[in-house]
Amino acid sequence: MVAQSGKDLLIKLDLTGAGQFETIAGLRATRISFNAEQVDVTSLESQGGWRELLAGAGVKSAAISGSGVFKDAGTDERARQIFFDGETPEFQVIIPGFGTVQGAFQVGAIEYAGSHDGEATYELSLASAGALSFTAL
């Protein structure tokens, strides 16, 4: 993979539940991370005392975070409503030069901040809420 522009890593939200994805407004920084828990099956018989892991047994998860400036667009309003209603709608993450990750996510946190001489900002954290799909470029 060659160098890519950070602004091309996009978080998109399904606004209506009908597959109408729109980029979340005002984001300046975005991040997605994938995690897999390990299941340790080490015993006294483990060769040389080395740890052994059970392949394919751990729980997989993904986390999305982003921060940006408050725009009060439709996507901002929808993200707030998802949080207050506890919904798990479809999101897409466009990873430049790699592909698209799509699946259900829950909004775990929304934080708003601002200073008297600056813009209003927000931070958003999401946690995967089911199986994710990946479509390569």
N, C-alpha and C. Protein backbone atom coordinates (compact mmCIF):
# COMPACT_ATOMS: atom_id res chain seq x y z
N MET A 1 0.85 -1.17 0.00
CA MET A 1 0.00 0.00 0.00
C MET A 1 0.89 1.23 0.00
N VAL A 2 0.63 2.17 -0.88
CA VAL A 2 1.39 3.40 -0.96
C VAL A 2 0.81 4.43 0.01
N ALA A 3 1.54 5.52 0.24
CA ALA A 3 1.08 6.57 1.14
C ALA A 3 -0.27 7.12 0.68
N GLN A 4 -1.14 7.40 1.64
CA GLN A 4 -2.48 7.90 1.37
C GLN A 4 -2.73 9.16 2.18
N SER A 5 -3.65 9.98 1.73
CA SER A 5 -4.04 11.18 2.45
C SER A 5 -4.97 10.81 3.61
N GLY A 6 -4.67 11.33 4.78
CA GLY A 6 -5.49 11.04 5.96
C GLY A 6 -6.92 11.50 5.83
N LYS A 7 -7.16 12.55 5.06
CA LYS A 7 -8.52 13.06 4.90
C LYS A 7 -9.41 12.11 4.13
N ASP A 8 -8.81 11.10 3.49
CA ASP A 8 -9.59 10.13 2.72
C ASP A 8 -10.07 8.95 3.56
N LEU A 9 -9.67 8.87 4.84
CA LEU A 9 -10.19 7.85 5.75
C LEU A 9 -11.51 8.39 6.29
N LEU A 10 -12.61 7.85 5.79
CA LEU A 10 -13.93 8.41 6.07
C LEU A 10 -14.78 7.49 6.93
N ILE A 11 -15.58 8.08 7.80
CA ILE A 11 -16.58 7.36 8.57
C ILE A 11 -17.93 7.79 8.02
N LYS A 12 -18.69 6.80 7.55
CA LYS A 12 -20.01 7.08 6.98
C LYS A 12 -21.08 6.38 7.78
N LEU A 13 -22.24 7.03 7.86
CA LEU A 13 -23.37 6.55 8.65
C LEU A 13 -24.56 6.33 7.74
N ASP A 14 -25.27 5.21 7.94
CA ASP A 14 -26.50 4.96 7.21
C ASP A 14 -27.59 5.80 7.85
N LEU A 15 -28.01 6.86 7.17
CA LEU A 15 -28.95 7.81 7.75
C LEU A 15 -30.36 7.27 7.90
N THR A 16 -30.78 6.39 7.01
CA THR A 16 -32.19 5.98 6.99
C THR A 16 -32.41 4.50 7.24
N GLY A 17 -31.36 3.70 7.28
CA GLY A 17 -31.52 2.26 7.39
C GLY A 17 -31.72 1.59 6.04
N ALA A 18 -31.65 2.38 4.98
CA ALA A 18 -31.87 1.86 3.63
C ALA A 18 -30.59 1.84 2.80
N GLY A 19 -29.44 1.93 3.46
CA GLY A 19 -28.17 1.90 2.74
C GLY A 19 -27.75 3.23 2.18
N GLN A 20 -28.33 4.32 2.68
CA GLN A 20 -27.96 5.67 2.25
C GLN A 20 -26.86 6.19 3.18
N PHE A 21 -25.60 5.92 2.82
CA PHE A 21 -24.47 6.29 3.68
C PHE A 21 -24.00 7.70 3.37
N GLU A 22 -23.73 8.45 4.44
CA GLU A 22 -23.24 9.82 4.29
C GLU A 22 -22.09 10.02 5.27
N THR A 23 -21.06 10.72 4.80
CA THR A 23 -19.89 11.00 5.65
C THR A 23 -20.31 11.86 6.83
N ILE A 24 -19.85 11.48 8.02
CA ILE A 24 -20.18 12.25 9.23
C ILE A 24 -19.52 13.62 9.12
N ALA A 25 -20.32 14.65 9.28
CA ALA A 25 -19.89 16.02 9.03
C ALA A 25 -18.87 16.52 10.04
N GLY A 26 -17.92 17.30 9.55
CA GLY A 26 -16.99 18.03 10.39
C GLY A 26 -15.81 17.26 10.93
N LEU A 27 -15.69 15.96 10.62
CA LEU A 27 -14.56 15.20 11.16
C LEU A 27 -13.23 15.70 10.62
N ARG A 28 -12.26 15.81 11.50
CA ARG A 28 -10.90 16.19 11.12
C ARG A 28 -9.92 15.04 11.28
N ALA A 29 -10.20 14.16 12.23
CA ALA A 29 -9.32 13.03 12.50
C ALA A 29 -10.17 11.79 12.73
N THR A 30 -9.77 10.67 12.14
CA THR A 30 -10.53 9.43 12.27
C THR A 30 -9.58 8.27 12.53
N ARG A 31 -10.12 7.23 13.17
CA ARG A 31 -9.30 6.05 13.50
C ARG A 31 -10.21 4.84 13.59
N ILE A 32 -9.71 3.70 13.09
CA ILE A 32 -10.39 2.43 13.29
C ILE A 32 -9.35 1.43 13.79
N SER A 33 -9.74 0.62 14.76
CA SER A 33 -8.83 -0.40 15.26
C SER A 33 -9.58 -1.73 15.34
N PHE A 34 -8.86 -2.80 15.06
CA PHE A 34 -9.40 -4.15 15.12
C PHE A 34 -8.72 -4.89 16.26
N ASN A 35 -9.49 -5.68 16.98
CA ASN A 35 -8.96 -6.40 18.12
C ASN A 35 -9.44 -7.84 18.10
N ALA A 36 -8.62 -8.76 18.63
CA ALA A 36 -9.00 -10.16 18.79
C ALA A 36 -8.45 -10.63 20.13
N GLU A 37 -9.35 -11.08 20.99
CA GLU A 37 -8.92 -11.61 22.28
C GLU A 37 -8.19 -12.93 22.07
N GLN A 38 -7.26 -13.19 22.94
CA GLN A 38 -6.51 -14.43 22.88
C GLN A 38 -7.02 -15.38 23.95
N VAL A 39 -7.08 -16.67 23.60
CA VAL A 39 -7.47 -17.70 24.56
C VAL A 39 -6.23 -18.53 24.85
N ASP A 40 -5.72 -18.38 26.07
CA ASP A 40 -4.49 -19.04 26.50
C ASP A 40 -4.80 -20.47 26.93
N VAL A 41 -4.17 -21.44 26.25
CA VAL A 41 -4.36 -22.86 26.59
C VAL A 41 -3.05 -23.49 27.06
N THR A 42 -2.16 -22.67 27.58
CA THR A 42 -0.87 -23.15 28.07
C THR A 42 -1.09 -24.09 29.26
N SER A 43 -0.30 -25.15 29.30
CA SER A 43 -0.38 -26.11 30.41
C SER A 43 1.03 -26.54 30.79
N LEU A 44 1.12 -27.41 31.77
CA LEU A 44 2.42 -27.92 32.18
C LEU A 44 3.11 -28.68 31.06
N GLU A 45 2.33 -29.21 30.12
CA GLU A 45 2.89 -29.96 29.01
C GLU A 45 3.31 -29.07 27.83
N SER A 46 3.10 -27.78 27.91
CA SER A 46 3.45 -26.88 26.80
C SER A 46 4.95 -26.93 26.57
N GLN A 47 5.32 -27.14 25.32
CA GLN A 47 6.72 -27.35 24.96
C GLN A 47 7.59 -26.17 25.36
N GLY A 48 8.60 -26.46 26.18
CA GLY A 48 9.56 -25.45 26.60
C GLY A 48 8.97 -24.36 27.47
N GLY A 49 7.76 -24.55 27.96
CA GLY A 49 7.13 -23.54 28.80
C GLY A 49 6.58 -22.35 28.01
N TRP A 50 6.52 -22.51 26.70
CA TRP A 50 6.01 -21.42 25.87
C TRP A 50 4.49 -21.36 25.92
N ARG A 51 3.98 -20.17 25.86
CA ARG A 51 2.53 -19.97 25.84
C ARG A 51 1.94 -20.57 24.57
N GLU A 52 0.75 -21.16 24.71
CA GLU A 52 0.00 -21.68 23.58
C GLU A 52 -1.34 -20.96 23.51
N LEU A 53 -1.75 -20.61 22.30
CA LEU A 53 -3.02 -19.94 22.09
C LEU A 53 -3.93 -20.82 21.25
N LEU A 54 -5.22 -20.79 21.55
CA LEU A 54 -6.21 -21.54 20.81
C LEU A 54 -6.62 -20.72 19.59
N ALA A 55 -6.31 -21.23 18.41
CA ALA A 55 -6.58 -20.51 17.17
C ALA A 55 -8.08 -20.31 16.96
N GLY A 56 -8.45 -19.10 16.57
CA GLY A 56 -9.82 -18.80 16.20
C GLY A 56 -10.83 -18.78 17.33
N ALA A 57 -10.39 -18.78 18.58
CA ALA A 57 -11.34 -18.88 19.69
C ALA A 57 -11.70 -17.55 20.33
N GLY A 58 -10.92 -16.51 20.10
CA GLY A 58 -11.15 -15.23 20.77
C GLY A 58 -12.26 -14.41 20.15
N VAL A 59 -12.78 -13.48 20.92
CA VAL A 59 -13.81 -12.56 20.45
C VAL A 59 -13.15 -11.45 19.65
N LYS A 60 -13.69 -11.18 18.45
CA LYS A 60 -13.18 -10.10 17.61
C LYS A 60 -14.03 -8.86 17.81
N SER A 61 -13.40 -7.69 17.72
CA SER A 61 -14.13 -6.44 17.83
C SER A 61 -13.41 -5.35 17.05
N ALA A 62 -14.13 -4.28 16.81
CA ALA A 62 -13.54 -3.11 16.15
C ALA A 62 -14.02 -1.87 16.89
N ALA A 63 -13.19 -0.86 16.88
CA ALA A 63 -13.54 0.42 17.49
C ALA A 63 -13.25 1.53 16.49
N ILE A 64 -14.14 2.50 16.44
CA ILE A 64 -13.98 3.67 15.58
C ILE A 64 -13.99 4.89 16.46
N SER A 65 -13.11 5.83 16.16
CA SER A 65 -13.16 7.11 16.86
C SER A 65 -12.90 8.22 15.86
N GLY A 66 -13.40 9.38 16.19
CA GLY A 66 -13.19 10.53 15.33
C GLY A 66 -13.36 11.81 16.12
N SER A 67 -12.76 12.85 15.63
CA SER A 67 -12.92 14.16 16.25
C SER A 67 -13.00 15.20 15.16
N GLY A 68 -13.70 16.28 15.46
CA GLY A 68 -13.85 17.32 14.45
C GLY A 68 -14.56 18.54 14.98
N VAL A 69 -15.03 19.34 14.06
CA VAL A 69 -15.72 20.58 14.40
C VAL A 69 -17.22 20.37 14.27
N PHE A 70 -17.95 20.97 15.18
CA PHE A 70 -19.40 20.85 15.21
C PHE A 70 -19.99 21.59 14.01
N LYS A 71 -20.77 20.87 13.19
CA LYS A 71 -21.38 21.45 12.00
C LYS A 71 -22.90 21.52 12.10
N ASP A 72 -23.50 20.76 13.02
CA ASP A 72 -24.94 20.67 13.18
C ASP A 72 -25.62 20.25 11.88
N ALA A 73 -25.00 19.31 11.19
CA ALA A 73 -25.56 18.75 9.97
C ALA A 73 -26.45 17.56 10.33
N GLY A 74 -27.10 16.98 9.32
CA GLY A 74 -27.97 15.83 9.53
C GLY A 74 -27.25 14.66 10.16
N THR A 75 -25.97 14.46 9.81
CA THR A 75 -25.22 13.35 10.38
C THR A 75 -24.93 13.57 11.86
N ASP A 76 -24.67 14.82 12.26
CA ASP A 76 -24.47 15.13 13.68
C ASP A 76 -25.74 14.80 14.47
N GLU A 77 -26.86 15.25 13.94
CA GLU A 77 -28.14 15.00 14.61
C GLU A 77 -28.43 13.50 14.70
N ARG A 78 -28.16 12.77 13.62
CA ARG A 78 -28.41 11.32 13.61
C ARG A 78 -27.50 10.60 14.61
N ALA A 79 -26.23 10.98 14.69
CA ALA A 79 -25.31 10.35 15.64
C ALA A 79 -25.78 10.58 17.08
N ARG A 80 -26.23 11.77 17.38
CA ARG A 80 -26.76 12.05 18.73
C ARG A 80 -27.98 11.18 19.02
N GLN A 81 -28.88 11.07 18.04
CA GLN A 81 -30.10 10.28 18.24
C GLN A 81 -29.78 8.80 18.44
N ILE A 82 -28.80 8.30 17.68
CA ILE A 82 -28.36 6.91 17.83
C ILE A 82 -27.88 6.66 19.25
N PHE A 83 -27.11 7.62 19.79
CA PHE A 83 -26.60 7.48 21.15
C PHE A 83 -27.75 7.42 22.16
N PHE A 84 -28.66 8.38 22.10
CA PHE A 84 -29.74 8.45 23.08
C PHE A 84 -30.73 7.31 22.95
N ASP A 85 -30.90 6.78 21.74
CA ASP A 85 -31.82 5.66 21.53
C ASP A 85 -31.16 4.30 21.71
N GLY A 86 -29.82 4.26 21.82
CA GLY A 86 -29.10 3.00 21.99
C GLY A 86 -29.15 2.11 20.75
N GLU A 87 -29.28 2.71 19.58
CA GLU A 87 -29.36 1.95 18.33
C GLU A 87 -28.00 1.43 17.90
N THR A 88 -28.00 0.46 16.99
CA THR A 88 -26.77 -0.08 16.40
C THR A 88 -26.92 -0.12 14.87
N PRO A 89 -26.92 1.05 14.22
CA PRO A 89 -27.09 1.08 12.77
C PRO A 89 -25.80 0.72 12.04
N GLU A 90 -25.91 0.63 10.73
CA GLU A 90 -24.76 0.33 9.87
C GLU A 90 -23.88 1.56 9.70
N PHE A 91 -22.59 1.33 9.77
CA PHE A 91 -21.59 2.34 9.47
C PHE A 91 -20.65 1.77 8.41
N GLN A 92 -19.98 2.64 7.70
CA GLN A 92 -18.92 2.26 6.77
C GLN A 92 -17.67 3.05 7.13
N VAL A 93 -16.53 2.39 7.04
CA VAL A 93 -15.25 3.08 7.16
C VAL A 93 -14.51 2.86 5.85
N ILE A 94 -14.22 3.95 5.17
CA ILE A 94 -13.49 3.89 3.91
C ILE A 94 -12.01 4.06 4.25
N ILE A 95 -11.21 3.03 4.00
CA ILE A 95 -9.78 3.06 4.27
C ILE A 95 -9.08 3.21 2.92
N PRO A 96 -8.47 4.37 2.65
CA PRO A 96 -7.89 4.62 1.33
C PRO A 96 -6.80 3.62 0.98
N GLY A 97 -6.86 3.13 -0.26
CA GLY A 97 -5.87 2.18 -0.73
C GLY A 97 -6.02 0.78 -0.16
N PHE A 98 -7.10 0.54 0.60
CA PHE A 98 -7.28 -0.74 1.28
C PHE A 98 -8.67 -1.32 0.99
N GLY A 99 -9.72 -0.59 1.38
CA GLY A 99 -11.07 -1.06 1.14
C GLY A 99 -12.07 -0.44 2.08
N THR A 100 -13.24 -1.09 2.19
CA THR A 100 -14.34 -0.59 3.00
C THR A 100 -14.74 -1.63 4.04
N VAL A 101 -14.85 -1.20 5.29
CA VAL A 101 -15.34 -2.03 6.38
C VAL A 101 -16.76 -1.56 6.67
N GLN A 102 -17.69 -2.51 6.79
CA GLN A 102 -19.08 -2.14 7.04
C GLN A 102 -19.69 -3.07 8.07
N GLY A 103 -20.54 -2.49 8.92
CA GLY A 103 -21.26 -3.29 9.90
C GLY A 103 -21.94 -2.43 10.93
N ALA A 104 -22.61 -3.09 11.86
CA ALA A 104 -23.32 -2.40 12.93
C ALA A 104 -22.35 -1.92 14.00
N PHE A 105 -22.55 -0.69 14.44
CA PHE A 105 -21.76 -0.10 15.52
C PHE A 105 -22.69 0.62 16.48
N GLN A 106 -22.27 0.68 17.74
CA GLN A 106 -22.99 1.44 18.75
C GLN A 106 -22.17 2.66 19.13
N VAL A 107 -22.83 3.80 19.25
CA VAL A 107 -22.14 5.02 19.67
C VAL A 107 -21.95 4.92 21.18
N GLY A 108 -20.69 4.79 21.61
CA GLY A 108 -20.38 4.64 23.02
C GLY A 108 -20.18 5.96 23.74
N ALA A 109 -19.75 6.97 22.99
CA ALA A 109 -19.50 8.27 23.62
C ALA A 109 -19.53 9.37 22.58
N ILE A 110 -20.08 10.49 22.97
CA ILE A 110 -20.00 11.74 22.21
C ILE A 110 -19.59 12.81 23.21
N GLU A 111 -18.54 13.53 22.88
CA GLU A 111 -18.07 14.60 23.76
C GLU A 111 -18.03 15.90 22.97
N TYR A 112 -18.51 16.97 23.59
CA TYR A 112 -18.50 18.28 22.97
C TYR A 112 -17.60 19.19 23.79
N ALA A 113 -16.87 20.07 23.11
CA ALA A 113 -15.98 21.01 23.80
C ALA A 113 -15.90 22.30 23.01
N GLY A 114 -15.43 23.32 23.67
CA GLY A 114 -15.23 24.60 23.00
C GLY A 114 -14.63 25.59 23.96
N SER A 115 -13.96 26.57 23.40
CA SER A 115 -13.41 27.67 24.21
C SER A 115 -14.01 28.98 23.70
N HIS A 116 -13.87 30.01 24.51
CA HIS A 116 -14.51 31.29 24.18
C HIS A 116 -13.96 31.90 22.89
N ASP A 117 -12.74 31.52 22.49
CA ASP A 117 -12.15 32.12 21.29
C ASP A 117 -11.88 31.09 20.20
N GLY A 118 -12.63 29.99 20.22
CA GLY A 118 -12.41 28.95 19.22
C GLY A 118 -13.72 28.30 18.80
N GLU A 119 -13.59 27.33 17.92
CA GLU A 119 -14.76 26.62 17.41
C GLU A 119 -15.23 25.56 18.38
N ALA A 120 -16.49 25.18 18.25
CA ALA A 120 -17.02 24.05 19.02
C ALA A 120 -16.52 22.77 18.36
N THR A 121 -16.06 21.83 19.16
CA THR A 121 -15.54 20.56 18.64
C THR A 121 -16.29 19.39 19.27
N TYR A 122 -16.12 18.23 18.68
CA TYR A 122 -16.71 17.03 19.25
C TYR A 122 -15.81 15.83 19.01
N GLU A 123 -15.99 14.80 19.85
CA GLU A 123 -15.31 13.52 19.69
C GLU A 123 -16.36 12.43 19.75
N LEU A 124 -16.16 11.40 18.94
CA LEU A 124 -17.13 10.34 18.78
C LEU A 124 -16.41 9.00 18.93
N SER A 125 -16.99 8.07 19.70
CA SER A 125 -16.42 6.73 19.85
C SER A 125 -17.51 5.71 19.55
N LEU A 126 -17.16 4.70 18.74
CA LEU A 126 -18.11 3.66 18.37
C LEU A 126 -17.49 2.29 18.62
N ALA A 127 -18.35 1.31 18.95
CA ALA A 127 -17.90 -0.06 19.17
C ALA A 127 -18.72 -0.99 18.26
N SER A 128 -18.03 -1.96 17.66
CA SER A 128 -18.72 -2.89 16.78
C SER A 128 -19.79 -3.66 17.55
N ALA A 129 -20.90 -3.95 16.85
CA ALA A 129 -22.04 -4.59 17.49
C ALA A 129 -22.51 -5.80 16.69
N GLY A 130 -21.59 -6.47 16.02
CA GLY A 130 -21.92 -7.64 15.22
C GLY A 130 -20.81 -7.91 14.23
N ALA A 131 -21.08 -8.84 13.33
CA ALA A 131 -20.08 -9.20 12.32
C ALA A 131 -19.85 -8.04 11.36
N LEU A 132 -18.60 -7.87 10.96
CA LEU A 132 -18.23 -6.83 10.00
C LEU A 132 -17.89 -7.46 8.67
N SER A 133 -18.12 -6.72 7.60
CA SER A 133 -17.72 -7.19 6.28
C SER A 133 -16.60 -6.28 5.76
N PHE A 134 -15.78 -6.84 4.90
CA PHE A 134 -14.70 -6.07 4.30
C PHE A 134 -14.75 -6.26 2.79
N THR A 135 -14.70 -5.14 2.08
CA THR A 135 -14.66 -5.16 0.63
C THR A 135 -13.37 -4.48 0.19
N ALA A 136 -12.48 -5.25 -0.41
CA ALA A 136 -11.20 -4.70 -0.87
C ALA A 136 -11.40 -3.81 -2.08
N LEU A 137 -10.49 -2.89 -2.26
CA LEU A 137 -10.52 -2.04 -3.46
C LEU A 137 -10.17 -2.81 -4.69
